[in-house]
Amino acid sequence: MNFFKHLGGYLAFLVSLFVLPLALFLQFSPYKEPRITYVFLICLFASQYAYYQEKKYRKKIENSVRDVLKQEFDRLPSRKEIIQRSDRIVQGRGICIIITALLIIGLMIVYKAF
């Protein structure tokens, strides 16, 4: 459960940082700039490239993953179990980025901003 709570928070962060401002701009701005959606997509992927360091993130979450698995299994988890859960969390972050990009593309379609 903690796994989905963490990824839900990350997805909410990405949506509030990229999708919501774009939607507000497309809805209420008197300026019609169709390339703004591409700017948001580029910023999304550039920010993930700049700030998404997988090795550092894996080390950062390793202790919390161990604690969560220890609570779930009522025993000390093996190294393989910790690595598998960490892999799922890292993959989940990638999926959150893809979902955010698809939401931006959806806004492009709805507002016909190509």
Foldseek 3Di string as FASTA:
>chain_A
DVLVVVLVVVLVVLCVVQVVVVLCCLVDPPDQALCVLVVSLVVLVVCCVVPVDLVVVLVVCLVVLQVVVCVVVVHGDDPVSSVVSSVVSVVSSVVSSVVSNVSSVVSCVVSVRD
